[in-house]
Amino acid sequence: MPSKNSGKRIVKLKKNKKNVVITLDNQMKINAVSEVLGNFYLYEGKLLSDKEIAEIRQFNASAVLLKYALTLLKKSHYSEWKMREKLYAKEGQKKDVDHVIKILKNNDLINDKMFILDTIEYGNERNLGKNKIIQELLNKGIFREAINERMFSYSLEKKKALNNLPKLEKKYDRYSY
C-alpha cells in the first residue's frame, strides 16, 4: 500500500464534449483539455505525484491558450504584439504566452514581416495612401521601426492620389468655400 505522501490517486475521469474532469482522492478536481488524457496516459486508479499534477496544469494552461490563439487566427491575421495582448487578456501567464507564441512562429502562423507586406499590398489594392497604411500597421501592433519606408514608391502614391481625385471632387463639389 502506498504511503500518503506518494501522491494522489485518480478516482474518476469524466470526459465531456470540450474537456475532461479529473477527480482525485482528496476531492480535488482538475478541469483539463482532452489532449491531457493522451499526453499523460491518465486512467482511473493511477497515482499522480505533485510534480505530475503541476505538469498537467501547465500543459492545460498552454493548450487552452493555443486553442484560443488558433481560433483568433481563423478569423483574422494578427501581429505578434496583438496576439500577445489577446493572450494576456485571456489571463495567460508569461511563460505560457511565450510558449504559444513560439509554437505559432515555428509553424509560420504569425510572421510580422509577411503581415506588413500583406497589409501594404491590401492597402495598395484599396487605394490607401502611405500614411493611412502606416497608421493601420501601427494600430495592429507593428512598431514603427519594423515598417520599412522604402516600400512606398512615389509613382505608386501619385497614381493612387490621381485615382482618388474624382471621388474627392464629387464628394466636396457641393460644399461652398
C-alpha atoms as a PDB file:
ATOM      1  CA  MET A   1       0.000   0.000   0.000  1.00  0.00           C
ATOM      2  CA  PRO A   2       1.491   3.374  -0.995  1.00  0.00           C
ATOM      3  CA  SER A   3       2.209   5.957   1.636  1.00  0.00           C
ATOM      4  CA  LYS A   4       0.123   9.121   1.914  1.00  0.00           C
ATOM      5  CA  ASN A   5       3.000  11.288   0.698  1.00  0.00           C
ATOM      6  CA  SER A   6       3.477   9.396  -2.577  1.00  0.00           C
ATOM      7  CA  GLY A   7       0.738  11.264  -4.430  1.00  0.00           C
ATOM      8  CA  LYS A   8      -2.921  11.431  -5.196  1.00  0.00           C
ATOM      9  CA  ARG A   9      -4.946   8.713  -6.867  1.00  0.00           C
ATOM     10  CA  ILE A  10      -7.316   9.398  -9.755  1.00  0.00           C
ATOM     11  CA  VAL A  11     -10.775   8.387  -8.568  1.00  0.00           C
ATOM     12  CA  LYS A  12     -12.811   9.411 -11.601  1.00  0.00           C
ATOM     13  CA  LEU A  13     -12.252  10.607 -15.152  1.00  0.00           C
ATOM     14  CA  LYS A  14     -15.224  12.260 -16.805  1.00  0.00           C
ATOM     15  CA  LYS A  15     -14.895  13.212 -20.442  1.00  0.00           C
ATOM     16  CA  ASN A  16     -17.213  15.970 -21.665  1.00  0.00           C
ATOM     17  CA  LYS A  17     -17.531  17.405 -25.171  1.00  0.00           C
ATOM     18  CA  LYS A  18     -14.844  20.042 -24.683  1.00  0.00           C
ATOM     19  CA  ASN A  19     -12.833  18.955 -21.662  1.00  0.00           C
ATOM     20  CA  VAL A  20     -12.005  16.278 -19.109  1.00  0.00           C
ATOM     21  CA  VAL A  21     -12.692  16.476 -15.382  1.00  0.00           C
ATOM     22  CA  ILE A  22     -10.132  14.607 -13.291  1.00  0.00           C
ATOM     23  CA  THR A  23     -11.271  13.858  -9.732  1.00  0.00           C
ATOM     24  CA  LEU A  24      -8.565  12.935  -7.246  1.00  0.00           C
ATOM     25  CA  ASP A  25      -8.962  11.055  -3.961  1.00  0.00           C
ATOM     26  CA  ASN A  26      -8.752  14.239  -1.888  1.00  0.00           C
ATOM     27  CA  GLN A  27     -11.880  15.588  -3.690  1.00  0.00           C
ATOM     28  CA  MET A  28      -9.729  17.939  -5.788  1.00  0.00           C
ATOM     29  CA  LYS A  29     -10.997  18.370  -9.341  1.00  0.00           C
ATOM     30  CA  ILE A  30      -8.916  19.395 -12.325  1.00  0.00           C
ATOM     31  CA  ASN A  31     -10.617  20.679 -15.475  1.00  0.00           C
ATOM     32  CA  ALA A  32      -8.373  19.964 -18.433  1.00  0.00           C
ATOM     33  CA  VAL A  33      -8.447  19.774 -22.212  1.00  0.00           C
ATOM     34  CA  SER A  34      -8.981  16.365 -23.829  1.00  0.00           C
ATOM     35  CA  GLU A  35      -5.372  16.120 -25.023  1.00  0.00           C
ATOM     36  CA  VAL A  36      -4.237  15.662 -21.411  1.00  0.00           C
ATOM     37  CA  LEU A  37      -5.525  12.070 -21.417  1.00  0.00           C
ATOM     38  CA  GLY A  38      -3.274  11.002 -24.258  1.00  0.00           C
ATOM     39  CA  ASN A  39      -0.211  13.022 -23.335  1.00  0.00           C
ATOM     40  CA  PHE A  40      -0.089  11.899 -19.701  1.00  0.00           C
ATOM     41  CA  TYR A  41      -1.682   8.442 -20.075  1.00  0.00           C
ATOM     42  CA  LEU A  42      -4.291   9.005 -17.398  1.00  0.00           C
ATOM     43  CA  TYR A  43      -6.674   6.325 -16.156  1.00  0.00           C
ATOM     44  CA  GLU A  44      -8.743   5.689 -13.045  1.00  0.00           C
ATOM     45  CA  GLY A  45      -6.588   4.388 -10.222  1.00  0.00           C
ATOM     46  CA  LYS A  46      -3.361   5.986 -11.457  1.00  0.00           C
ATOM     47  CA  LEU A  47      -1.242   7.605  -8.752  1.00  0.00           C
ATOM     48  CA  LEU A  48      -0.138  11.164  -9.574  1.00  0.00           C
ATOM     49  CA  SER A  49       2.695  12.944  -7.822  1.00  0.00           C
ATOM     50  CA  ASP A  50       2.557  16.663  -7.098  1.00  0.00           C
ATOM     51  CA  LYS A  51       5.052  17.201  -9.912  1.00  0.00           C
ATOM     52  CA  GLU A  52       2.812  15.381 -12.407  1.00  0.00           C
ATOM     53  CA  ILE A  53      -0.215  17.399 -11.286  1.00  0.00           C
ATOM     54  CA  ALA A  54       1.762  20.598 -11.826  1.00  0.00           C
ATOM     55  CA  GLU A  55       2.817  19.380 -15.291  1.00  0.00           C
ATOM     56  CA  ILE A  56      -0.810  18.608 -16.170  1.00  0.00           C
ATOM     57  CA  ARG A  57      -1.873  22.089 -15.106  1.00  0.00           C
ATOM     58  CA  GLN A  58       0.997  23.667 -17.060  1.00  0.00           C
ATOM     59  CA  PHE A  59       0.145  21.676 -20.177  1.00  0.00           C
ATOM     60  CA  ASN A  60      -3.535  22.530 -19.795  1.00  0.00           C
ATOM     61  CA  ALA A  61      -2.840  26.276 -19.488  1.00  0.00           C
ATOM     62  CA  SER A  62      -0.716  26.243 -22.659  1.00  0.00           C
ATOM     63  CA  ALA A  63      -3.246  24.122 -24.547  1.00  0.00           C
ATOM     64  CA  VAL A  64      -6.134  26.445 -23.670  1.00  0.00           C
ATOM     65  CA  LEU A  65      -4.167  29.490 -24.841  1.00  0.00           C
ATOM     66  CA  LEU A  66      -3.089  27.699 -28.028  1.00  0.00           C
ATOM     67  CA  LYS A  67      -6.687  26.779 -28.884  1.00  0.00           C
ATOM     68  CA  TYR A  68      -7.732  30.393 -28.278  1.00  0.00           C
ATOM     69  CA  ALA A  69      -4.900  31.707 -30.463  1.00  0.00           C
ATOM     70  CA  LEU A  70      -5.810  29.324 -33.293  1.00  0.00           C
ATOM     71  CA  THR A  71      -9.443  30.407 -33.046  1.00  0.00           C
ATOM     72  CA  LEU A  72      -8.344  34.039 -33.365  1.00  0.00           C
ATOM     73  CA  LEU A  73      -6.127  33.234 -36.348  1.00  0.00           C
ATOM     74  CA  LYS A  74      -9.029  31.518 -38.123  1.00  0.00           C
ATOM     75  CA  LYS A  75     -10.842  34.862 -38.152  1.00  0.00           C
ATOM     76  CA  SER A  76      -8.044  37.297 -38.974  1.00  0.00           C
ATOM     77  CA  HIS A  77      -4.305  37.899 -39.193  1.00  0.00           C
ATOM     78  CA  TYR A  78      -2.583  39.151 -36.058  1.00  0.00           C
ATOM     79  CA  SER A  79       0.816  40.601 -35.380  1.00  0.00           C
ATOM     80  CA  GLU A  80       2.891  39.086 -32.605  1.00  0.00           C
ATOM     81  CA  TRP A  81       2.245  42.093 -30.368  1.00  0.00           C
ATOM     82  CA  LYS A  82      -1.550  41.993 -30.777  1.00  0.00           C
ATOM     83  CA  MET A  83      -1.585  38.228 -30.243  1.00  0.00           C
ATOM     84  CA  ARG A  84       0.352  38.685 -27.006  1.00  0.00           C
ATOM     85  CA  GLU A  85      -2.179  41.318 -25.913  1.00  0.00           C
ATOM     86  CA  LYS A  86      -5.064  38.958 -26.617  1.00  0.00           C
ATOM     87  CA  LEU A  87      -3.427  36.058 -24.756  1.00  0.00           C
ATOM     88  CA  TYR A  88      -2.585  38.217 -21.743  1.00  0.00           C
ATOM     89  CA  ALA A  89      -6.185  39.470 -21.744  1.00  0.00           C
ATOM     90  CA  LYS A  90      -7.201  35.808 -21.510  1.00  0.00           C
ATOM     91  CA  GLU A  91      -5.184  35.795 -18.246  1.00  0.00           C
ATOM     92  CA  GLY A  92      -2.298  33.794 -19.647  1.00  0.00           C
ATOM     93  CA  GLN A  93       0.963  33.628 -17.721  1.00  0.00           C
ATOM     94  CA  LYS A  94       4.135  34.935 -19.350  1.00  0.00           C
ATOM     95  CA  LYS A  95       5.788  31.543 -19.864  1.00  0.00           C
ATOM     96  CA  ASP A  96       2.575  30.065 -21.308  1.00  0.00           C
ATOM     97  CA  VAL A  97       2.130  33.010 -23.675  1.00  0.00           C
ATOM     98  CA  ASP A  98       5.782  32.794 -24.761  1.00  0.00           C
ATOM     99  CA  HIS A  99       5.376  29.065 -25.393  1.00  0.00           C
ATOM    100  CA  VAL A 100       2.243  29.598 -27.521  1.00  0.00           C
ATOM    101  CA  ILE A 101       3.871  32.448 -29.494  1.00  0.00           C
ATOM    102  CA  LYS A 102       6.894  30.237 -30.139  1.00  0.00           C
ATOM    103  CA  ILE A 103       4.650  27.446 -31.477  1.00  0.00           C
ATOM    104  CA  LEU A 104       2.777  29.891 -33.718  1.00  0.00           C
ATOM    105  CA  LYS A 105       6.028  31.375 -35.057  1.00  0.00           C
ATOM    106  CA  ASN A 106       7.568  27.943 -35.693  1.00  0.00           C
ATOM    107  CA  ASN A 107       4.506  26.968 -37.722  1.00  0.00           C
ATOM    108  CA  ASP A 108       4.609  30.322 -39.539  1.00  0.00           C
ATOM    109  CA  LEU A 109       1.142  31.295 -38.346  1.00  0.00           C
ATOM    110  CA  ILE A 110       2.498  34.589 -37.026  1.00  0.00           C
ATOM    111  CA  ASN A 111       5.069  36.381 -39.154  1.00  0.00           C
ATOM    112  CA  ASP A 112       5.318  40.154 -38.733  1.00  0.00           C
ATOM    113  CA  LYS A 113       7.306  40.690 -41.939  1.00  0.00           C
ATOM    114  CA  MET A 114       4.682  38.929 -44.049  1.00  0.00           C
ATOM    115  CA  PHE A 115       1.942  40.691 -42.085  1.00  0.00           C
ATOM    116  CA  ILE A 116       3.462  44.065 -43.028  1.00  0.00           C
ATOM    117  CA  LEU A 117       3.760  43.092 -46.701  1.00  0.00           C
ATOM    118  CA  ASP A 118       0.190  41.754 -46.814  1.00  0.00           C
ATOM    119  CA  THR A 119      -1.202  44.877 -45.175  1.00  0.00           C
ATOM    120  CA  ILE A 120       0.711  47.151 -47.570  1.00  0.00           C
ATOM    121  CA  GLU A 121      -0.468  45.140 -50.585  1.00  0.00           C
ATOM    122  CA  TYR A 122      -4.060  45.159 -49.346  1.00  0.00           C
ATOM    123  CA  GLY A 123      -3.849  48.914 -48.726  1.00  0.00           C
ATOM    124  CA  ASN A 124      -2.480  49.470 -52.230  1.00  0.00           C
ATOM    125  CA  GLU A 125      -5.387  47.496 -53.711  1.00  0.00           C
ATOM    126  CA  ARG A 126      -7.819  49.693 -51.772  1.00  0.00           C
ATOM    127  CA  ASN A 127      -6.046  52.866 -52.973  1.00  0.00           C
ATOM    128  CA  LEU A 128      -4.989  53.865 -49.465  1.00  0.00           C
ATOM    129  CA  GLY A 129      -2.143  56.297 -49.076  1.00  0.00           C
ATOM    130  CA  LYS A 130       1.163  55.659 -47.361  1.00  0.00           C
ATOM    131  CA  ASN A 131       0.176  57.439 -44.135  1.00  0.00           C
ATOM    132  CA  LYS A 132      -3.115  55.563 -43.863  1.00  0.00           C
ATOM    133  CA  ILE A 133      -1.371  52.216 -44.363  1.00  0.00           C
ATOM    134  CA  ILE A 134       1.282  53.077 -41.776  1.00  0.00           C
ATOM    135  CA  GLN A 135      -1.445  54.097 -39.321  1.00  0.00           C
ATOM    136  CA  GLU A 136      -3.235  50.774 -39.873  1.00  0.00           C
ATOM    137  CA  LEU A 137       0.011  48.899 -39.200  1.00  0.00           C
ATOM    138  CA  LEU A 138       0.614  50.892 -36.025  1.00  0.00           C
ATOM    139  CA  ASN A 139      -2.942  50.165 -34.857  1.00  0.00           C
ATOM    140  CA  LYS A 140      -2.416  46.459 -35.491  1.00  0.00           C
ATOM    141  CA  GLY A 141       0.617  46.306 -33.223  1.00  0.00           C
ATOM    142  CA  ILE A 142       3.524  46.762 -35.610  1.00  0.00           C
ATOM    143  CA  PHE A 143       6.273  49.029 -34.321  1.00  0.00           C
ATOM    144  CA  ARG A 144       7.406  51.983 -36.391  1.00  0.00           C
ATOM    145  CA  GLU A 145      10.941  50.557 -36.613  1.00  0.00           C
ATOM    146  CA  ALA A 146       9.615  47.462 -38.360  1.00  0.00           C
ATOM    147  CA  ILE A 147       7.802  49.460 -41.032  1.00  0.00           C
ATOM    148  CA  ASN A 148      10.202  49.979 -43.861  1.00  0.00           C
ATOM    149  CA  GLU A 149       9.646  53.361 -45.542  1.00  0.00           C
ATOM    150  CA  ARG A 150      11.263  52.199 -48.823  1.00  0.00           C
ATOM    151  CA  MET A 151       8.251  50.003 -49.593  1.00  0.00           C
ATOM    152  CA  PHE A 152       6.272  53.033 -50.755  1.00  0.00           C
ATOM    153  CA  SER A 153       7.243  54.389 -54.168  1.00  0.00           C
ATOM    154  CA  TYR A 154       6.431  57.938 -55.141  1.00  0.00           C
ATOM    155  CA  SER A 155       4.970  56.932 -58.503  1.00  0.00           C
ATOM    156  CA  LEU A 156       2.559  54.472 -56.883  1.00  0.00           C
ATOM    157  CA  GLU A 157       1.465  57.077 -54.333  1.00  0.00           C
ATOM    158  CA  LYS A 158       0.884  59.613 -57.119  1.00  0.00           C
ATOM    159  CA  LYS A 159      -1.145  57.077 -59.105  1.00  0.00           C
ATOM    160  CA  LYS A 160      -3.329  56.299 -56.044  1.00  0.00           C
ATOM    161  CA  ALA A 161      -3.868  60.025 -55.418  1.00  0.00           C
ATOM    162  CA  LEU A 162      -4.943  60.588 -59.028  1.00  0.00           C
ATOM    163  CA  ASN A 163      -7.325  57.608 -58.772  1.00  0.00           C
ATOM    164  CA  ASN A 164      -8.908  59.093 -55.647  1.00  0.00           C
ATOM    165  CA  LEU A 165      -9.204  62.616 -57.063  1.00  0.00           C
ATOM    166  CA  PRO A 166     -12.535  62.149 -58.946  1.00  0.00           C
ATOM    167  CA  LYS A 167     -14.182  60.668 -55.848  1.00  0.00           C
ATOM    168  CA  LEU A 168     -12.986  63.558 -53.700  1.00  0.00           C
ATOM    169  CA  GLU A 169     -14.105  66.163 -56.272  1.00  0.00           C
ATOM    170  CA  LYS A 170     -17.561  64.614 -56.386  1.00  0.00           C
ATOM    171  CA  LYS A 171     -17.720  64.451 -52.596  1.00  0.00           C
ATOM    172  CA  TYR A 172     -16.671  68.056 -51.979  1.00  0.00           C
ATOM    173  CA  ASP A 173     -18.153  69.896 -55.003  1.00  0.00           C
ATOM    174  CA  ARG A 174     -21.443  70.610 -53.214  1.00  0.00           C
ATOM    175  CA  TYR A 175     -19.707  72.484 -50.358  1.00  0.00           C
ATOM    176  CA  SER A 176     -19.374  76.242 -50.593  1.00  0.00           C
ATOM    177  CA  TYR A 177     -15.988  77.668 -49.822  1.00  0.00           C
END
